[in-house]
Amino acid sequence: MKIAFYGSSLLSSYWNGAATYYRGLLKALSQLGYDITFYEPDVYDRQKNRDIEPPDWCNVVVYEATPHALMQVAASAREADVVVKASGVGFEDEALLRAVLDHARADALTVFWDVDAPATLGQLRDEPDHPLHRALREIDLVLTYGGGDPVVWAYRALGAAECVPIYNALDPETHHPVAKDKRFACDLAFLGNRLPDREARVEAFFLDPASRSGDQHFLLGGSGWGDKQLPANVAWLGHVGTRDHNAFNVTSKAVLNISRDSMAANGFSPATRVFEAAGAGACLITDAWLGVELFLVPGEEILVARDGNDVAEIMRTLTPQQAKAIGASALRRVLAEHTYALRAAVADAVFRRHFERPTVEAAE
């Protein structure tokens, strides 16, 4: 079965938080027998900052950010059995969605795969004339990488025929325990790009606790923080490529996950870094969000902080032995219940259910 997948980037994680999700899930789907082609635009200097080369489990087509090139790759949708347009592609998203739907065969399964459902739903609430409103009534299936029942209900209220969360997860071949790396030695590490709807939470959950923990060393990784005033005990690393994520996660005593505003408010949206860190056996501290206990047990497999005061208190009392035990428990849990192989099996079942569904003509 052929999948045409139109997304932001498979080859680069540069300003592209969905890269790990795409890689893990599409590799697992290919292992189930899917023939996948991923179409990504050459934007945001991602091709200059690749952190993987084209894999053997997926054909990757990089196209120029021009209307002509967009229409050329959209025409390839006619060759696929499953046609996926992801959210946040980064170049003419609305035009791409319309062109892909227009070129998809009548018997193909059309999918809108939302990798940032809270943001997309917020935009749809604010823009009643947004083209996605119309498209949702044509699309067969909406998949999301988080959100739980609130997102499912919201999409169905907007006219989606079906909505299924396919959560972030772990690829054990990519994220796993490694030796510590002195470049990342610290007490608490946080990795995340500087984004408008995350910055205030980074200040509250990371920078403020750091300013009150002068005897501890903090590391900040991610793009965009160069002109940010940081406490003296916080070192900024810049962009940390995916090849260094395992070492980044295992070297520090603990790593911190901070949700964006919309993700935290919606809940049921564990970020890729949650599973990356757990897969490396790291001790993870996360800001509180609804549904965290569905993925990891608070206090045993993950530490949950309601605010910066909680982060500071956790770091004051957390011993290396406790951190190691929590990381080991998290690793066991994600390997058992939260791998991309398991997530791909869910997606595969949804796809096959569509193709096995009788048509109107057959029913008559």
Foldseek 3Di string as FASTA:
>chain_A
DEEEAEAQDCFFCAVNQCNLVCVQQQLLLLVVPYAYEYEAECDPCRVVHGPDDDDPSYHYHYFYLDPVRLLVSLLCLCVGQEYEYEPPSPHPSLVSLVSNLVNHDPNHAYEYEYAPQLVVLVVCVVDVPRSVLVVQQVHQEYEYQWQPPVSQVSSVVSRHPGYYYLHAADDLVQFAADDADVVQAWAEEEEDADDPQFVVQCCKAPQVLCLVCVVTAYEYEYADCPPPDGHPRYDYDYHDGSNCLLNNLARHLEYEAEDGNSDQVRFGHDRNSLNSNLRNLFAYEYEDHPPPCVQPNDPQQHDYDPINVRNNVCSVPDDSVSRNRNSPRSNVRRVVPGGSSVSSVVVVVVNVVSSVDDDPVVVD
